[in-house]
Amino acid sequence: MEKVVGKRNVDASVEPTMTGEHFSFMLLEKPGCYAFLGNGDGAHRDAGHGMGPCTLHSASYDFNDALLSVGATYWVKMAENFLPVRS
């Protein structure tokens, strides 16, 4: 993620969480992990979605659509780093 958004925009201090206990069943079959993409509390929430954090499963949750390209770029870069280079 540092290659996508810069080191100062990455918080590597996030503690392990039980955010999606159902996800553990998938991990029994295939290795994986969560990658959190900060939604923030910016101007995308000005449309009357309530105050406070944009936490998932909240009546005022509103995903910041401007982050779609950041998330997509992250996955592309990760695939490029993982897959072998073919000539």
C-alpha atoms as a PDB file:
ATOM      1  CA  MET A   1       0.000   0.000   0.000  1.00  0.00           C
ATOM      2  CA  GLU A   2       2.931   2.340   0.652  1.00  0.00           C
ATOM      3  CA  LYS A   3       3.747   2.200  -3.072  1.00  0.00           C
ATOM      4  CA  VAL A   4       0.197   3.332  -3.868  1.00  0.00           C
ATOM      5  CA  VAL A   5      -0.524   6.046  -1.279  1.00  0.00           C
ATOM      6  CA  GLY A   6       2.870   6.768   0.304  1.00  0.00           C
ATOM      7  CA  LYS A   7       4.337   5.632   3.608  1.00  0.00           C
ATOM      8  CA  ARG A   8       2.882   8.531   5.635  1.00  0.00           C
ATOM      9  CA  ASN A   9      -0.638   7.448   4.627  1.00  0.00           C
ATOM     10  CA  VAL A  10      -0.271   3.849   5.835  1.00  0.00           C
ATOM     11  CA  ASP A  11      -1.018   2.880   9.444  1.00  0.00           C
ATOM     12  CA  ALA A  12       0.728  -0.423  10.095  1.00  0.00           C
ATOM     13  CA  SER A  13      -0.079  -0.304  13.816  1.00  0.00           C
ATOM     14  CA  VAL A  14      -3.593  -1.733  13.464  1.00  0.00           C
ATOM     15  CA  GLU A  15      -4.076  -4.499  15.990  1.00  0.00           C
ATOM     16  CA  PRO A  16      -5.527  -7.879  14.956  1.00  0.00           C
ATOM     17  CA  THR A  17      -9.322  -7.824  14.999  1.00  0.00           C
ATOM     18  CA  MET A  18     -12.290 -10.163  14.839  1.00  0.00           C
ATOM     19  CA  THR A  19     -13.862  -7.844  12.270  1.00  0.00           C
ATOM     20  CA  GLY A  20     -15.233 -10.695  10.178  1.00  0.00           C
ATOM     21  CA  GLU A  21     -15.337 -13.954  12.077  1.00  0.00           C
ATOM     22  CA  HIS A  22     -17.136 -15.546   9.103  1.00  0.00           C
ATOM     23  CA  PHE A  23     -14.046 -14.757   6.998  1.00  0.00           C
ATOM     24  CA  SER A  24     -12.151 -17.307   9.098  1.00  0.00           C
ATOM     25  CA  PHE A  25     -14.038 -20.109   7.360  1.00  0.00           C
ATOM     26  CA  MET A  26     -12.655 -19.017   3.998  1.00  0.00           C
ATOM     27  CA  LEU A  27      -9.163 -18.843   5.516  1.00  0.00           C
ATOM     28  CA  LEU A  28      -9.466 -22.503   6.475  1.00  0.00           C
ATOM     29  CA  GLU A  29      -9.482 -23.240   2.736  1.00  0.00           C
ATOM     30  CA  LYS A  30      -7.160 -20.546   1.336  1.00  0.00           C
ATOM     31  CA  PRO A  31      -4.583 -18.313   3.032  1.00  0.00           C
ATOM     32  CA  GLY A  32      -5.451 -14.628   3.175  1.00  0.00           C
ATOM     33  CA  CYS A  33      -5.896 -11.546   5.302  1.00  0.00           C
ATOM     34  CA  TYR A  34      -7.827  -8.309   5.638  1.00  0.00           C
ATOM     35  CA  ALA A  35      -6.561  -5.077   4.181  1.00  0.00           C
ATOM     36  CA  PHE A  36      -8.257  -2.037   5.674  1.00  0.00           C
ATOM     37  CA  LEU A  37      -8.822   0.926   3.384  1.00  0.00           C
ATOM     38  CA  GLY A  38      -9.635   4.000   5.465  1.00  0.00           C
ATOM     39  CA  ASN A  39     -12.999   5.480   4.549  1.00  0.00           C
ATOM     40  CA  GLY A  40     -12.499   8.692   6.500  1.00  0.00           C
ATOM     41  CA  ASP A  41     -15.014  11.293   7.522  1.00  0.00           C
ATOM     42  CA  GLY A  42     -14.544  13.672   4.602  1.00  0.00           C
ATOM     43  CA  ALA A  43     -16.805  15.633   2.285  1.00  0.00           C
ATOM     44  CA  HIS A  44     -18.390  12.488   0.849  1.00  0.00           C
ATOM     45  CA  ARG A  45     -20.481  12.468   4.045  1.00  0.00           C
ATOM     46  CA  ASP A  46     -21.927  15.960   3.531  1.00  0.00           C
ATOM     47  CA  ALA A  47     -25.090  14.523   1.961  1.00  0.00           C
ATOM     48  CA  GLY A  48     -26.839  14.133   5.327  1.00  0.00           C
ATOM     49  CA  HIS A  49     -25.533  10.748   6.411  1.00  0.00           C
ATOM     50  CA  GLY A  50     -25.131  11.745  10.029  1.00  0.00           C
ATOM     51  CA  MET A  51     -22.177  12.628  12.156  1.00  0.00           C
ATOM     52  CA  GLY A  52     -19.598  10.324  13.654  1.00  0.00           C
ATOM     53  CA  PRO A  53     -17.395   7.663  12.177  1.00  0.00           C
ATOM     54  CA  CYS A  54     -18.243   5.838   8.967  1.00  0.00           C
ATOM     55  CA  THR A  55     -18.230   2.443  10.595  1.00  0.00           C
ATOM     56  CA  LEU A  56     -19.550  -0.535   8.704  1.00  0.00           C
ATOM     57  CA  HIS A  57     -22.984  -1.828   9.772  1.00  0.00           C
ATOM     58  CA  SER A  58     -24.002   1.687  10.812  1.00  0.00           C
ATOM     59  CA  ALA A  59     -27.166   3.390   9.619  1.00  0.00           C
ATOM     60  CA  SER A  60     -25.011   6.368   8.592  1.00  0.00           C
ATOM     61  CA  TYR A  61     -22.389   4.335   6.691  1.00  0.00           C
ATOM     62  CA  ASP A  62     -21.464   5.839   3.331  1.00  0.00           C
ATOM     63  CA  PHE A  63     -18.510   4.416   1.415  1.00  0.00           C
ATOM     64  CA  ASN A  64     -16.177   7.050  -0.020  1.00  0.00           C
ATOM     65  CA  ASP A  65     -16.400   6.242  -3.751  1.00  0.00           C
ATOM     66  CA  ALA A  66     -13.216   8.252  -4.398  1.00  0.00           C
ATOM     67  CA  LEU A  67     -11.332   5.355  -2.797  1.00  0.00           C
ATOM     68  CA  LEU A  68     -12.378   2.827  -5.435  1.00  0.00           C
ATOM     69  CA  SER A  69      -9.371   3.643  -7.627  1.00  0.00           C
ATOM     70  CA  VAL A  70      -7.015   3.437  -4.628  1.00  0.00           C
ATOM     71  CA  GLY A  71      -8.323  -0.007  -3.694  1.00  0.00           C
ATOM     72  CA  ALA A  72      -8.208  -1.257  -7.279  1.00  0.00           C
ATOM     73  CA  THR A  73      -4.647   0.023  -7.733  1.00  0.00           C
ATOM     74  CA  TYR A  74      -3.616  -1.720  -4.494  1.00  0.00           C
ATOM     75  CA  TRP A  75      -4.885  -5.084  -5.783  1.00  0.00           C
ATOM     76  CA  VAL A  76      -3.237  -4.628  -9.195  1.00  0.00           C
ATOM     77  CA  LYS A  77       0.128  -3.767  -7.593  1.00  0.00           C
ATOM     78  CA  MET A  78      -0.132  -6.731  -5.254  1.00  0.00           C
ATOM     79  CA  ALA A  79      -0.851  -9.083  -8.173  1.00  0.00           C
ATOM     80  CA  GLU A  80       2.044  -7.612 -10.168  1.00  0.00           C
ATOM     81  CA  ASN A  81       4.403  -8.189  -7.226  1.00  0.00           C
ATOM     82  CA  PHE A  82       3.148 -11.725  -6.671  1.00  0.00           C
ATOM     83  CA  LEU A  83       2.996 -13.067 -10.208  1.00  0.00           C
ATOM     84  CA  PRO A  84       6.192 -14.023 -12.030  1.00  0.00           C
ATOM     85  CA  VAL A  85       7.414 -11.810 -14.845  1.00  0.00           C
ATOM     86  CA  ARG A  86       7.108 -13.480 -18.236  1.00  0.00           C
ATOM     87  CA  SER A  87       9.090 -12.418 -21.272  1.00  0.00           C
END
